């Protein structure tokens, strides 16, 4: 008595390549639509942080806007109001604002 029919291996090696092709296409799409743009954005952010200097107007990831008064390796001093300076970690500076932005707020 045979309850289970015998399984036969595929004889065409082209089937193996064709079944693997969708995975390759998905990876290529992920690379060009997600990974590559994110790497480019991270590179631009790193360059912006390296060129940060006193007098620049910035916005942090927490939504604080102010003028940079001092830049060190790990921290940035940001003046958020007259005579009110806070220290934030350098990587939290999200955006370099155009000059004069703070006066228009």
N, C-alpha and C. Protein backbone atom coordinates (compact mmCIF):
# COMPACT_ATOMS: atom_id res chain seq x y z
N UNK A 1 0.83 -1.19 0.00
CA UNK A 1 0.00 0.00 0.00
C UNK A 1 0.87 1.25 0.00
N UNK A 2 0.54 2.19 -0.87
CA UNK A 2 1.30 3.43 -0.95
C UNK A 2 0.35 4.59 -0.66
N UNK A 3 0.62 5.26 0.44
CA UNK A 3 -0.24 6.38 0.84
C UNK A 3 0.25 7.71 0.30
N UNK A 4 1.56 7.82 0.15
CA UNK A 4 2.14 9.08 -0.31
C UNK A 4 2.76 8.85 -1.68
N UNK A 5 2.45 9.74 -2.62
CA UNK A 5 3.02 9.59 -3.95
C UNK A 5 4.50 9.98 -3.92
N UNK A 6 5.32 9.35 -4.71
CA UNK A 6 6.75 9.65 -4.71
C UNK A 6 7.01 11.06 -5.26
N UNK A 7 8.01 11.72 -4.68
CA UNK A 7 8.39 13.06 -5.14
C UNK A 7 9.57 12.93 -6.09
N UNK A 8 9.52 13.72 -7.14
CA UNK A 8 10.60 13.68 -8.13
C UNK A 8 11.30 15.04 -8.14
N UNK A 9 12.61 15.01 -8.27
CA UNK A 9 13.40 16.24 -8.31
C UNK A 9 13.21 16.91 -9.66
N UNK A 10 13.31 18.23 -9.67
CA UNK A 10 13.21 18.98 -10.92
C UNK A 10 14.44 18.69 -11.76
N UNK A 11 14.22 18.53 -13.02
CA UNK A 11 15.33 18.14 -13.89
C UNK A 11 15.98 19.32 -14.60
N UNK A 12 15.33 20.46 -14.63
CA UNK A 12 15.86 21.61 -15.37
C UNK A 12 16.57 22.58 -14.41
N UNK A 13 17.88 22.84 -14.59
CA UNK A 13 18.57 23.80 -13.72
C UNK A 13 18.11 25.23 -13.94
N UNK A 14 17.48 25.53 -15.05
CA UNK A 14 16.98 26.89 -15.31
C UNK A 14 15.87 27.24 -14.32
N UNK A 15 15.13 26.26 -13.85
CA UNK A 15 14.08 26.51 -12.87
C UNK A 15 14.65 27.04 -11.57
N UNK A 16 15.82 26.55 -11.18
CA UNK A 16 16.46 27.03 -9.95
C UNK A 16 16.81 28.50 -10.06
N UNK A 17 17.34 28.90 -11.18
CA UNK A 17 17.71 30.31 -11.39
C UNK A 17 16.47 31.18 -11.44
N UNK A 18 15.44 30.72 -12.09
CA UNK A 18 14.22 31.51 -12.21
C UNK A 18 13.50 31.65 -10.87
N UNK A 19 13.64 30.67 -9.99
CA UNK A 19 12.99 30.79 -8.69
C UNK A 19 13.79 31.70 -7.75
N UNK A 20 15.09 31.87 -8.02
CA UNK A 20 15.94 32.74 -7.21
C UNK A 20 15.89 34.19 -7.69
N UNK A 21 15.51 34.40 -8.93
CA UNK A 21 15.49 35.73 -9.54
C UNK A 21 14.62 36.75 -8.80
N UNK A 22 13.42 36.44 -8.35
CA UNK A 22 12.62 37.44 -7.62
C UNK A 22 13.31 37.96 -6.36
N UNK A 23 14.04 37.11 -5.66
CA UNK A 23 14.77 37.55 -4.47
C UNK A 23 15.85 38.56 -4.84
N UNK A 24 16.53 38.32 -5.93
CA UNK A 24 17.57 39.25 -6.39
C UNK A 24 16.94 40.58 -6.78
N UNK A 25 15.84 40.54 -7.48
CA UNK A 25 15.15 41.76 -7.91
C UNK A 25 14.69 42.56 -6.69
N UNK A 26 14.15 41.89 -5.68
CA UNK A 26 13.69 42.58 -4.47
C UNK A 26 14.87 43.23 -3.76
N UNK A 27 16.00 42.54 -3.66
CA UNK A 27 17.17 43.12 -3.01
C UNK A 27 17.67 44.34 -3.77
N UNK A 28 17.71 44.27 -5.09
CA UNK A 28 18.16 45.42 -5.90
C UNK A 28 17.22 46.61 -5.70
N UNK A 29 15.91 46.36 -5.68
CA UNK A 29 14.96 47.45 -5.44
C UNK A 29 15.15 48.06 -4.05
N UNK A 30 15.33 47.21 -3.03
CA UNK A 30 15.56 47.72 -1.68
C UNK A 30 16.82 48.57 -1.63
N UNK A 31 17.86 48.13 -2.32
CA UNK A 31 19.12 48.87 -2.32
C UNK A 31 18.92 50.27 -2.90
N UNK A 32 18.31 50.35 -4.07
CA UNK A 32 18.18 51.64 -4.74
C UNK A 32 17.09 52.53 -4.15
N UNK A 33 16.08 51.95 -3.51
CA UNK A 33 14.99 52.77 -2.98
C UNK A 33 15.12 53.08 -1.49
N UNK A 34 15.86 52.26 -0.73
CA UNK A 34 15.96 52.48 0.71
C UNK A 34 17.39 52.67 1.19
N UNK A 35 18.24 51.73 0.90
CA UNK A 35 19.59 51.73 1.48
C UNK A 35 20.44 52.86 0.93
N UNK A 36 20.50 53.00 -0.38
CA UNK A 36 21.35 54.02 -1.00
C UNK A 36 20.94 55.44 -0.61
N UNK A 37 19.67 55.82 -0.68
CA UNK A 37 19.29 57.18 -0.25
C UNK A 37 19.58 57.44 1.22
N UNK A 38 19.41 56.42 2.07
CA UNK A 38 19.68 56.60 3.49
C UNK A 38 21.17 56.81 3.73
N UNK A 39 22.02 56.10 3.00
CA UNK A 39 23.47 56.29 3.13
C UNK A 39 23.87 57.69 2.66
N UNK A 40 23.24 58.16 1.59
CA UNK A 40 23.52 59.50 1.08
C UNK A 40 23.11 60.57 2.09
N UNK A 41 21.95 60.40 2.70
CA UNK A 41 21.47 61.35 3.70
C UNK A 41 22.37 61.35 4.93
N UNK A 42 22.83 60.17 5.36
CA UNK A 42 23.72 60.09 6.51
C UNK A 42 25.06 60.77 6.21
N UNK A 43 25.53 60.65 4.99
CA UNK A 43 26.79 61.30 4.61
C UNK A 43 26.63 62.82 4.62
N UNK A 44 25.49 63.32 4.13
CA UNK A 44 25.23 64.75 4.13
C UNK A 44 25.12 65.28 5.56
N UNK A 45 24.48 64.53 6.46
CA UNK A 45 24.34 64.95 7.86
C UNK A 45 25.71 65.01 8.53
N UNK A 46 26.54 64.02 8.28
CA UNK A 46 27.89 63.99 8.85
C UNK A 46 28.71 65.19 8.37
N UNK A 47 28.60 65.50 7.08
CA UNK A 47 29.31 66.66 6.52
C UNK A 47 28.82 67.95 7.15
N UNK A 48 27.49 68.07 7.36
CA UNK A 48 26.92 69.27 7.97
C UNK A 48 27.44 69.43 9.39
N UNK A 49 27.52 68.33 10.15
CA UNK A 49 28.02 68.41 11.52
C UNK A 49 29.50 68.78 11.57
N UNK A 50 30.28 68.32 10.60
CA UNK A 50 31.69 68.64 10.56
C UNK A 50 31.94 70.11 10.24
N UNK A 51 31.06 70.72 9.46
CA UNK A 51 31.24 72.11 9.06
C UNK A 51 30.50 73.09 9.97
N UNK A 52 29.88 72.60 11.02
CA UNK A 52 29.13 73.44 11.96
C UNK A 52 30.08 74.40 12.67
N UNK A 53 29.67 75.66 12.77
CA UNK A 53 30.52 76.68 13.41
C UNK A 53 29.66 77.65 14.21
N UNK A 54 30.30 78.43 15.05
CA UNK A 54 29.59 79.43 15.85
C UNK A 54 28.91 80.43 14.93
N UNK A 55 27.68 80.81 15.27
CA UNK A 55 26.92 81.75 14.47
C UNK A 55 25.90 81.08 13.57
N UNK A 56 26.02 79.78 13.35
CA UNK A 56 25.04 79.07 12.53
C UNK A 56 23.72 78.92 13.29
N UNK A 57 22.63 78.98 12.57
CA UNK A 57 21.31 78.78 13.16
C UNK A 57 20.90 77.34 12.87
N UNK A 58 20.49 76.62 13.93
CA UNK A 58 20.22 75.19 13.80
C UNK A 58 18.89 74.82 14.44
N UNK A 59 18.41 73.64 14.06
CA UNK A 59 17.25 73.01 14.70
C UNK A 59 17.69 71.62 15.14
N UNK A 60 17.31 71.24 16.36
CA UNK A 60 17.67 69.93 16.88
C UNK A 60 16.55 68.93 16.61
N UNK A 61 16.84 67.66 16.87
CA UNK A 61 15.81 66.63 16.67
C UNK A 61 14.67 66.79 17.67
N UNK A 62 14.90 67.49 18.79
CA UNK A 62 13.85 67.74 19.77
C UNK A 62 13.00 68.95 19.43
N UNK A 63 13.32 69.65 18.35
CA UNK A 63 12.53 70.80 17.93
C UNK A 63 13.03 72.12 18.47
N UNK A 64 14.18 72.13 19.11
CA UNK A 64 14.74 73.37 19.65
C UNK A 64 15.49 74.09 18.54
N UNK A 65 15.22 75.38 18.37
CA UNK A 65 15.95 76.17 17.38
C UNK A 65 16.76 77.23 18.12
N UNK A 66 17.92 77.52 17.58
CA UNK A 66 18.77 78.51 18.20
C UNK A 66 20.03 78.76 17.40
N UNK A 67 20.88 79.59 17.97
CA UNK A 67 22.13 79.97 17.31
C UNK A 67 23.29 79.30 18.03
N UNK A 68 24.19 78.69 17.27
CA UNK A 68 25.34 77.99 17.82
C UNK A 68 26.32 79.03 18.36
N UNK A 69 26.76 78.83 19.60
CA UNK A 69 27.75 79.73 20.20
C UNK A 69 29.11 79.06 20.35
N UNK A 70 29.12 77.74 20.49
CA UNK A 70 30.37 77.02 20.69
C UNK A 70 30.21 75.59 20.19
N UNK A 71 31.25 75.08 19.52
CA UNK A 71 31.23 73.72 19.00
C UNK A 71 32.44 72.97 19.54
N UNK A 72 32.20 71.79 20.13
CA UNK A 72 33.29 70.92 20.55
C UNK A 72 33.14 69.58 19.83
N UNK A 73 33.94 68.59 20.22
CA UNK A 73 33.90 67.30 19.54
C UNK A 73 32.55 66.60 19.70
N UNK A 74 31.99 66.61 20.91
CA UNK A 74 30.78 65.87 21.19
C UNK A 74 29.54 66.75 21.44
N UNK A 75 29.76 68.00 21.83
CA UNK A 75 28.64 68.87 22.22
C UNK A 75 28.64 70.18 21.47
N UNK A 76 27.46 70.79 21.41
CA UNK A 76 27.26 72.09 20.77
C UNK A 76 26.50 72.96 21.76
N UNK A 77 26.97 74.19 21.96
CA UNK A 77 26.25 75.15 22.80
C UNK A 77 25.34 75.95 21.89
N UNK A 78 24.06 75.96 22.23
CA UNK A 78 23.05 76.64 21.40
C UNK A 78 22.36 77.68 22.25
N UNK A 79 22.34 78.92 21.75
CA UNK A 79 21.64 80.02 22.42
C UNK A 79 20.20 80.01 21.93
N UNK A 80 19.26 79.72 22.85
CA UNK A 80 17.86 79.61 22.45
C UNK A 80 17.08 80.89 22.76
N UNK A 81 17.62 81.73 23.61
CA UNK A 81 17.05 83.04 23.92
C UNK A 81 18.22 83.89 24.41
N UNK A 82 18.00 85.20 24.58
CA UNK A 82 19.09 86.04 25.04
C UNK A 82 19.55 85.58 26.42
N UNK A 83 20.84 85.36 26.56
CA UNK A 83 21.48 84.88 27.79
C UNK A 83 20.99 83.51 28.25
N UNK A 84 20.46 82.71 27.35
CA UNK A 84 20.05 81.34 27.67
C UNK A 84 20.73 80.40 26.69
N UNK A 85 21.74 79.69 27.20
CA UNK A 85 22.51 78.78 26.37
C UNK A 85 22.36 77.37 26.91
N UNK A 86 22.08 76.43 26.00
CA UNK A 86 21.98 75.02 26.39
C UNK A 86 23.05 74.24 25.63
N UNK A 87 23.47 73.13 26.22
CA UNK A 87 24.41 72.24 25.56
C UNK A 87 23.65 71.02 25.08
N UNK A 88 23.83 70.69 23.81
CA UNK A 88 23.19 69.50 23.24
C UNK A 88 24.27 68.64 22.60
N UNK A 89 23.99 67.36 22.49
CA UNK A 89 24.93 66.48 21.80
C UNK A 89 24.96 66.85 20.34
N UNK A 90 26.15 66.77 19.77
CA UNK A 90 26.34 67.23 18.40
C UNK A 90 25.46 66.48 17.40
N UNK A 91 25.28 65.18 17.59
CA UNK A 91 24.51 64.40 16.62
C UNK A 91 23.01 64.72 16.66
N UNK A 92 22.54 65.45 17.69
CA UNK A 92 21.13 65.81 17.74
C UNK A 92 20.81 67.04 16.90
N UNK A 93 21.82 67.73 16.41
CA UNK A 93 21.57 68.86 15.50
C UNK A 93 21.10 68.26 14.19
N UNK A 94 19.86 68.57 13.82
CA UNK A 94 19.25 67.94 12.66
C UNK A 94 19.39 68.77 11.40
N UNK A 95 19.17 70.08 11.52
CA UNK A 95 19.10 70.92 10.33
C UNK A 95 19.87 72.21 10.53
N UNK A 96 20.57 72.61 9.52
CA UNK A 96 21.22 73.91 9.48
C UNK A 96 20.24 74.86 8.80
N UNK A 97 19.77 75.86 9.53
CA UNK A 97 18.76 76.77 9.02
C UNK A 97 19.41 77.91 8.23
N UNK A 98 18.68 78.47 7.28
CA UNK A 98 19.20 79.63 6.56
C UNK A 98 19.40 80.81 7.51
N UNK A 99 20.41 81.64 7.28
CA UNK A 99 20.64 82.81 8.15
C UNK A 99 19.42 83.71 8.19
N UNK A 100 19.09 84.20 9.40
CA UNK A 100 17.95 85.09 9.56
C UNK A 100 16.65 84.39 9.89
N UNK A 101 16.68 83.08 9.98
CA UNK A 101 15.47 82.32 10.30
C UNK A 101 14.95 82.64 11.68
N UNK A 102 15.84 82.78 12.62
CA UNK A 102 15.42 83.04 14.01
C UNK A 102 14.72 84.40 14.16
N UNK A 103 15.12 85.38 13.37
CA UNK A 103 14.48 86.70 13.44
C UNK A 103 13.07 86.65 12.88
N UNK A 104 12.81 85.72 11.96
CA UNK A 104 11.48 85.65 11.35
C UNK A 104 10.50 84.83 12.17
N UNK A 105 10.98 84.17 13.21
CA UNK A 105 10.09 83.34 14.06
C UNK A 105 9.40 84.21 15.09
